[in-house]
Amino acid sequence: MTNNENKKMTDYDMEQLIGQVLRLGVFISGSVAIIGGIWYLYQKGSGSPHYTTFNGEPAGYTSLTGILKGLANGSAAEIIQLGVVILIATPIVRIFFSLVSFIIEKDRLYIVLTAVVLFIILFSMFAGLKV
């Protein structure tokens, strides 16, 4: 056996991986939002704004399926919304990686605590979801 086969993932390695996940998530979400912002300016930047009337946001912003439908149509606002969704998902992915880390370490207390936190977050997100 070589040293690479014997090497186990340490706490430091997992912390580095989780840090990379957070950095990558923020970078991707920011990039998507910037691309959406540039596309938004291209689509609607030349028109004159109407400040005399208030137009609320359409229902497409309140559901993930609405965002996906808008993406299929090339809507810039939904691209920006996708960036926000990715930003919201980033810490949830971090909690999932922490759960995996605690499972590898076989730390039962933190497995239970992290699983409960992950369940509460996912339940609160999807319990009132309109499809």
N, C-alpha and C. Protein backbone atom coordinates (compact mmCIF):
# COMPACT_ATOMS: atom_id res chain seq x y z
N MET A 1 0.83 -1.18 0.00
CA MET A 1 0.00 0.00 0.00
C MET A 1 0.88 1.25 0.00
N THR A 2 0.43 2.24 -0.73
CA THR A 2 1.16 3.49 -0.76
C THR A 2 0.59 4.44 0.29
N ASN A 3 1.28 5.55 0.48
CA ASN A 3 0.82 6.53 1.47
C ASN A 3 -0.53 7.12 1.11
N ASN A 4 -0.83 7.26 -0.19
CA ASN A 4 -2.11 7.83 -0.61
C ASN A 4 -3.27 6.93 -0.25
N GLU A 5 -3.04 5.61 -0.25
CA GLU A 5 -4.12 4.68 0.08
C GLU A 5 -4.41 4.68 1.58
N ASN A 6 -3.38 4.92 2.41
CA ASN A 6 -3.54 4.94 3.85
C ASN A 6 -4.10 6.25 4.36
N LYS A 7 -3.98 7.30 3.59
CA LYS A 7 -4.34 8.63 4.05
C LYS A 7 -5.85 8.77 4.20
N LYS A 8 -6.27 9.16 5.38
CA LYS A 8 -7.68 9.43 5.65
C LYS A 8 -7.89 10.94 5.61
N MET A 9 -9.14 11.32 5.39
CA MET A 9 -9.46 12.73 5.39
C MET A 9 -9.47 13.22 6.83
N THR A 10 -8.70 14.26 7.10
CA THR A 10 -8.63 14.82 8.46
C THR A 10 -9.65 15.93 8.61
N ASP A 11 -9.78 16.41 9.85
CA ASP A 11 -10.67 17.54 10.12
C ASP A 11 -10.26 18.76 9.30
N TYR A 12 -8.97 18.98 9.22
CA TYR A 12 -8.46 20.13 8.46
C TYR A 12 -8.84 20.01 6.98
N ASP A 13 -8.72 18.80 6.44
CA ASP A 13 -9.09 18.58 5.03
C ASP A 13 -10.57 18.87 4.81
N MET A 14 -11.40 18.43 5.73
CA MET A 14 -12.84 18.66 5.59
C MET A 14 -13.16 20.14 5.74
N GLU A 15 -12.49 20.83 6.65
CA GLU A 15 -12.70 22.27 6.80
C GLU A 15 -12.30 23.00 5.52
N GLN A 16 -11.22 22.57 4.91
CA GLN A 16 -10.78 23.17 3.65
C GLN A 16 -11.81 22.92 2.55
N LEU A 17 -12.34 21.70 2.49
CA LEU A 17 -13.35 21.36 1.49
C LEU A 17 -14.61 22.20 1.69
N ILE A 18 -15.05 22.33 2.93
CA ILE A 18 -16.24 23.12 3.23
C ILE A 18 -16.00 24.59 2.88
N GLY A 19 -14.82 25.10 3.17
CA GLY A 19 -14.48 26.47 2.81
C GLY A 19 -14.50 26.67 1.30
N GLN A 20 -14.00 25.69 0.57
CA GLN A 20 -14.02 25.76 -0.90
C GLN A 20 -15.46 25.75 -1.42
N VAL A 21 -16.30 24.93 -0.80
CA VAL A 21 -17.71 24.87 -1.21
C VAL A 21 -18.37 26.24 -1.02
N LEU A 22 -18.10 26.88 0.13
CA LEU A 22 -18.68 28.20 0.39
C LEU A 22 -18.16 29.23 -0.60
N ARG A 23 -16.86 29.24 -0.84
CA ARG A 23 -16.28 30.20 -1.79
C ARG A 23 -16.84 29.97 -3.19
N LEU A 24 -16.90 28.72 -3.60
CA LEU A 24 -17.39 28.40 -4.94
C LEU A 24 -18.87 28.78 -5.08
N GLY A 25 -19.67 28.51 -4.06
CA GLY A 25 -21.08 28.86 -4.10
C GLY A 25 -21.30 30.36 -4.22
N VAL A 26 -20.54 31.14 -3.45
CA VAL A 26 -20.67 32.60 -3.52
C VAL A 26 -20.18 33.10 -4.88
N PHE A 27 -19.09 32.54 -5.38
CA PHE A 27 -18.57 32.95 -6.69
C PHE A 27 -19.57 32.64 -7.81
N ILE A 28 -20.11 31.44 -7.80
CA ILE A 28 -21.07 31.05 -8.84
C ILE A 28 -22.33 31.90 -8.76
N SER A 29 -22.86 32.11 -7.54
CA SER A 29 -24.09 32.90 -7.42
C SER A 29 -23.84 34.34 -7.84
N GLY A 30 -22.72 34.90 -7.46
CA GLY A 30 -22.39 36.26 -7.88
C GLY A 30 -22.23 36.37 -9.38
N SER A 31 -21.56 35.38 -9.97
CA SER A 31 -21.37 35.38 -11.42
C SER A 31 -22.70 35.29 -12.16
N VAL A 32 -23.56 34.41 -11.69
CA VAL A 32 -24.88 34.25 -12.33
C VAL A 32 -25.68 35.55 -12.20
N ALA A 33 -25.64 36.17 -11.01
CA ALA A 33 -26.39 37.43 -10.81
C ALA A 33 -25.82 38.55 -11.68
N ILE A 34 -24.51 38.62 -11.81
CA ILE A 34 -23.90 39.65 -12.67
C ILE A 34 -24.26 39.43 -14.12
N ILE A 35 -24.21 38.19 -14.57
CA ILE A 35 -24.60 37.87 -15.95
C ILE A 35 -26.06 38.25 -16.17
N GLY A 36 -26.91 37.91 -15.19
CA GLY A 36 -28.32 38.29 -15.29
C GLY A 36 -28.51 39.79 -15.30
N GLY A 37 -27.72 40.52 -14.50
CA GLY A 37 -27.81 41.98 -14.47
C GLY A 37 -27.40 42.60 -15.80
N ILE A 38 -26.33 42.08 -16.39
CA ILE A 38 -25.90 42.57 -17.70
C ILE A 38 -26.96 42.27 -18.74
N TRP A 39 -27.52 41.07 -18.69
CA TRP A 39 -28.58 40.69 -19.64
C TRP A 39 -29.83 41.55 -19.43
N TYR A 40 -30.12 41.87 -18.17
CA TYR A 40 -31.27 42.72 -17.86
C TYR A 40 -31.08 44.11 -18.45
N LEU A 41 -29.88 44.67 -18.30
CA LEU A 41 -29.61 45.98 -18.89
C LEU A 41 -29.71 45.94 -20.41
N TYR A 42 -29.28 44.84 -20.99
CA TYR A 42 -29.39 44.70 -22.44
C TYR A 42 -30.85 44.63 -22.88
N GLN A 43 -31.66 43.88 -22.12
CA GLN A 43 -33.07 43.71 -22.48
C GLN A 43 -33.91 44.96 -22.20
N LYS A 44 -33.69 45.61 -21.06
CA LYS A 44 -34.61 46.67 -20.63
C LYS A 44 -33.92 47.99 -20.33
N GLY A 45 -32.64 48.09 -20.58
CA GLY A 45 -31.90 49.29 -20.20
C GLY A 45 -32.16 50.50 -21.06
N SER A 46 -32.64 50.30 -22.26
CA SER A 46 -32.84 51.43 -23.16
C SER A 46 -34.19 52.10 -22.98
N GLY A 47 -35.12 51.46 -22.33
CA GLY A 47 -36.45 52.03 -22.14
C GLY A 47 -36.46 53.07 -21.04
N SER A 48 -37.44 53.94 -21.08
CA SER A 48 -37.55 54.95 -20.03
C SER A 48 -38.40 54.38 -18.89
N PRO A 49 -37.97 54.56 -17.65
CA PRO A 49 -38.73 54.00 -16.52
C PRO A 49 -40.01 54.80 -16.27
N HIS A 50 -41.02 54.12 -15.77
CA HIS A 50 -42.30 54.74 -15.42
C HIS A 50 -42.40 54.77 -13.90
N TYR A 51 -42.05 55.89 -13.34
CA TYR A 51 -42.04 56.01 -11.89
C TYR A 51 -43.39 56.42 -11.31
N THR A 52 -44.37 56.72 -12.16
CA THR A 52 -45.65 57.17 -11.66
C THR A 52 -46.57 56.04 -11.21
N THR A 53 -46.31 54.82 -11.71
CA THR A 53 -47.14 53.68 -11.31
C THR A 53 -46.25 52.60 -10.70
N PHE A 54 -46.82 51.91 -9.72
CA PHE A 54 -46.09 50.82 -9.07
C PHE A 54 -46.57 49.51 -9.66
N ASN A 55 -45.63 48.73 -10.14
CA ASN A 55 -45.93 47.40 -10.65
C ASN A 55 -45.20 46.38 -9.79
N GLY A 56 -45.96 45.57 -9.08
CA GLY A 56 -45.35 44.53 -8.24
C GLY A 56 -44.70 43.46 -9.09
N GLU A 57 -43.93 42.62 -8.43
CA GLU A 57 -43.26 41.53 -9.13
C GLU A 57 -44.26 40.46 -9.52
N PRO A 58 -44.10 39.85 -10.68
CA PRO A 58 -45.02 38.78 -11.08
C PRO A 58 -44.83 37.53 -10.22
N ALA A 59 -45.77 36.62 -10.34
CA ALA A 59 -45.77 35.40 -9.51
C ALA A 59 -44.60 34.48 -9.81
N GLY A 60 -43.93 34.67 -10.92
CA GLY A 60 -42.81 33.81 -11.28
C GLY A 60 -41.66 33.86 -10.29
N TYR A 61 -41.57 34.94 -9.52
CA TYR A 61 -40.48 35.07 -8.55
C TYR A 61 -40.74 34.33 -7.25
N THR A 62 -41.95 33.82 -7.06
CA THR A 62 -42.29 33.20 -5.79
C THR A 62 -42.11 31.69 -5.78
N SER A 63 -41.76 31.10 -6.90
CA SER A 63 -41.58 29.65 -6.93
C SER A 63 -40.37 29.28 -7.78
N LEU A 64 -39.80 28.15 -7.44
CA LEU A 64 -38.64 27.67 -8.20
C LEU A 64 -39.05 27.28 -9.62
N THR A 65 -40.25 26.74 -9.77
CA THR A 65 -40.71 26.38 -11.12
C THR A 65 -40.91 27.63 -11.98
N GLY A 66 -41.37 28.72 -11.37
CA GLY A 66 -41.51 29.98 -12.10
C GLY A 66 -40.17 30.51 -12.55
N ILE A 67 -39.17 30.38 -11.69
CA ILE A 67 -37.82 30.82 -12.05
C ILE A 67 -37.29 29.96 -13.20
N LEU A 68 -37.50 28.65 -13.12
CA LEU A 68 -37.01 27.76 -14.18
C LEU A 68 -37.71 28.03 -15.51
N LYS A 69 -39.02 28.33 -15.45
CA LYS A 69 -39.74 28.67 -16.69
C LYS A 69 -39.20 29.96 -17.28
N GLY A 70 -38.91 30.93 -16.42
CA GLY A 70 -38.34 32.19 -16.89
C GLY A 70 -36.96 32.00 -17.50
N LEU A 71 -36.18 31.09 -16.91
CA LEU A 71 -34.86 30.79 -17.47
C LEU A 71 -34.99 30.19 -18.86
N ALA A 72 -35.98 29.33 -19.04
CA ALA A 72 -36.20 28.71 -20.35
C ALA A 72 -36.56 29.75 -21.40
N ASN A 73 -37.20 30.84 -20.96
CA ASN A 73 -37.58 31.91 -21.88
C ASN A 73 -36.47 32.95 -22.04
N GLY A 74 -35.37 32.81 -21.30
CA GLY A 74 -34.27 33.76 -21.40
C GLY A 74 -34.51 35.05 -20.65
N SER A 75 -35.35 35.02 -19.63
CA SER A 75 -35.66 36.22 -18.85
C SER A 75 -34.49 36.58 -17.93
N ALA A 76 -34.04 37.81 -18.04
CA ALA A 76 -32.90 38.27 -17.24
C ALA A 76 -33.23 38.32 -15.75
N ALA A 77 -34.46 38.70 -15.42
CA ALA A 77 -34.84 38.78 -14.00
C ALA A 77 -34.76 37.41 -13.34
N GLU A 78 -35.13 36.37 -14.06
CA GLU A 78 -35.05 35.02 -13.49
C GLU A 78 -33.61 34.54 -13.38
N ILE A 79 -32.74 35.01 -14.25
CA ILE A 79 -31.31 34.68 -14.12
C ILE A 79 -30.78 35.28 -12.82
N ILE A 80 -31.16 36.51 -12.55
CA ILE A 80 -30.76 37.15 -11.29
C ILE A 80 -31.33 36.38 -10.11
N GLN A 81 -32.59 35.97 -10.20
CA GLN A 81 -33.22 35.18 -9.14
C GLN A 81 -32.49 33.86 -8.93
N LEU A 82 -32.03 33.24 -10.02
CA LEU A 82 -31.27 31.99 -9.89
C LEU A 82 -29.99 32.23 -9.09
N GLY A 83 -29.35 33.36 -9.32
CA GLY A 83 -28.17 33.70 -8.52
C GLY A 83 -28.49 33.79 -7.04
N VAL A 84 -29.65 34.35 -6.72
CA VAL A 84 -30.08 34.45 -5.33
C VAL A 84 -30.36 33.06 -4.75
N VAL A 85 -31.01 32.21 -5.54
CA VAL A 85 -31.31 30.85 -5.09
C VAL A 85 -30.02 30.08 -4.81
N ILE A 86 -29.04 30.23 -5.69
CA ILE A 86 -27.74 29.57 -5.49
C ILE A 86 -27.08 30.10 -4.22
N LEU A 87 -27.18 31.40 -3.98
CA LEU A 87 -26.60 31.98 -2.77
C LEU A 87 -27.28 31.44 -1.52
N ILE A 88 -28.59 31.26 -1.57
CA ILE A 88 -29.33 30.70 -0.43
C ILE A 88 -28.97 29.23 -0.22
N ALA A 89 -28.75 28.50 -1.32
CA ALA A 89 -28.44 27.08 -1.23
C ALA A 89 -27.03 26.81 -0.71
N THR A 90 -26.13 27.77 -0.85
CA THR A 90 -24.73 27.55 -0.48
C THR A 90 -24.55 27.15 0.98
N PRO A 91 -25.11 27.86 1.97
CA PRO A 91 -24.91 27.41 3.35
C PRO A 91 -25.62 26.09 3.66
N ILE A 92 -26.68 25.79 2.90
CA ILE A 92 -27.36 24.51 3.11
C ILE A 92 -26.45 23.37 2.65
N VAL A 93 -25.76 23.57 1.55
CA VAL A 93 -24.78 22.58 1.09
C VAL A 93 -23.66 22.44 2.11
N ARG A 94 -23.28 23.54 2.73
CA ARG A 94 -22.24 23.50 3.76
C ARG A 94 -22.69 22.64 4.94
N ILE A 95 -23.94 22.79 5.34
CA ILE A 95 -24.46 21.97 6.44
C ILE A 95 -24.45 20.50 6.04
N PHE A 96 -24.81 20.21 4.80
CA PHE A 96 -24.78 18.83 4.32
C PHE A 96 -23.35 18.26 4.38
N PHE A 97 -22.35 19.04 3.93
CA PHE A 97 -20.96 18.58 4.00
C PHE A 97 -20.52 18.40 5.44
N SER A 98 -20.98 19.25 6.34
CA SER A 98 -20.66 19.08 7.76
C SER A 98 -21.25 17.77 8.28
N LEU A 99 -22.47 17.46 7.85
CA LEU A 99 -23.11 16.21 8.25
C LEU A 99 -22.29 15.02 7.78
N VAL A 100 -21.84 15.06 6.52
CA VAL A 100 -21.00 13.98 5.99
C VAL A 100 -19.71 13.87 6.80
N SER A 101 -19.13 15.00 7.15
CA SER A 101 -17.90 15.00 7.95
C SER A 101 -18.12 14.33 9.30
N PHE A 102 -19.23 14.65 9.95
CA PHE A 102 -19.51 14.05 11.25
C PHE A 102 -19.83 12.56 11.13
N ILE A 103 -20.42 12.16 10.02
CA ILE A 103 -20.67 10.74 9.79
C ILE A 103 -19.34 9.99 9.63
N ILE A 104 -18.42 10.60 8.88
CA ILE A 104 -17.09 9.98 8.71
C ILE A 104 -16.38 9.86 10.05
N GLU A 105 -16.50 10.91 10.89
CA GLU A 105 -15.86 10.89 12.21
C GLU A 105 -16.60 10.02 13.21
N LYS A 106 -17.83 9.62 12.87
CA LYS A 106 -18.69 8.83 13.75
C LYS A 106 -18.99 9.54 15.07
N ASP A 107 -19.19 10.85 14.97
CA ASP A 107 -19.53 11.68 16.12
C ASP A 107 -21.05 11.77 16.20
N ARG A 108 -21.66 10.88 16.98
CA ARG A 108 -23.11 10.72 16.99
C ARG A 108 -23.86 11.97 17.41
N LEU A 109 -23.36 12.67 18.42
CA LEU A 109 -24.04 13.86 18.90
C LEU A 109 -24.15 14.91 17.78
N TYR A 110 -23.04 15.17 17.11
CA TYR A 110 -23.05 16.18 16.06
C TYR A 110 -23.77 15.69 14.80
N ILE A 111 -23.80 14.40 14.58
CA ILE A 111 -24.61 13.86 13.47
C ILE A 111 -26.07 14.20 13.70
N VAL A 112 -26.55 13.93 14.92
CA VAL A 112 -27.95 14.19 15.24
C VAL A 112 -28.25 15.69 15.18
N LEU A 113 -27.39 16.50 15.79
CA LEU A 113 -27.63 17.95 15.80
C LEU A 113 -27.63 18.53 14.38
N THR A 114 -26.65 18.14 13.58
CA THR A 114 -26.56 18.66 12.22
C THR A 114 -27.72 18.17 11.37
N ALA A 115 -28.12 16.93 11.55
CA ALA A 115 -29.26 16.39 10.79
C ALA A 115 -30.54 17.13 11.17
N VAL A 116 -30.72 17.44 12.44
CA VAL A 116 -31.90 18.19 12.88
C VAL A 116 -31.90 19.59 12.27
N VAL A 117 -30.75 20.26 12.30
CA VAL A 117 -30.65 21.60 11.72
C VAL A 117 -30.96 21.54 10.22
N LEU A 118 -30.39 20.58 9.52
CA LEU A 118 -30.62 20.44 8.09
C LEU A 118 -32.10 20.14 7.81
N PHE A 119 -32.70 19.28 8.61
CA PHE A 119 -34.12 18.96 8.45
C PHE A 119 -34.99 20.19 8.67
N ILE A 120 -34.71 20.95 9.71
CA ILE A 120 -35.51 22.15 10.01
C ILE A 120 -35.41 23.16 8.87
N ILE A 121 -34.21 23.37 8.36
CA ILE A 121 -34.03 24.33 7.27
C ILE A 121 -34.76 23.86 6.02
N LEU A 122 -34.58 22.60 5.66
CA LEU A 122 -35.24 22.09 4.45
C LEU A 122 -36.76 22.06 4.61
N PHE A 123 -37.22 21.67 5.79
CA PHE A 123 -38.66 21.64 6.02
C PHE A 123 -39.26 23.04 5.94
N SER A 124 -38.59 24.01 6.55
CA SER A 124 -39.13 25.37 6.53
C SER A 124 -39.10 25.96 5.13
N MET A 125 -38.15 25.52 4.30
CA MET A 125 -38.09 26.02 2.92
C MET A 125 -39.17 25.40 2.06
N PHE A 126 -39.37 24.09 2.19
CA PHE A 126 -40.25 23.37 1.26
C PHE A 126 -41.66 23.14 1.78
N ALA A 127 -41.93 23.37 3.06
CA ALA A 127 -43.25 23.12 3.60
C ALA A 127 -44.30 24.06 2.99
N GLY A 128 -43.95 25.29 2.78
CA GLY A 128 -44.91 26.23 2.22
C GLY A 128 -44.69 26.50 0.75
N LEU A 129 -43.95 25.63 0.09
CA LEU A 129 -43.61 25.84 -1.32
C LEU A 129 -44.82 25.69 -2.21
N LYS A 130 -44.99 26.63 -3.10
CA LYS A 130 -46.06 26.55 -4.10
C LYS A 130 -45.45 26.04 -5.39
N VAL A 131 -45.98 24.95 -5.89
CA VAL A 131 -45.44 24.36 -7.12
C VAL A 131 -46.22 24.80 -8.32
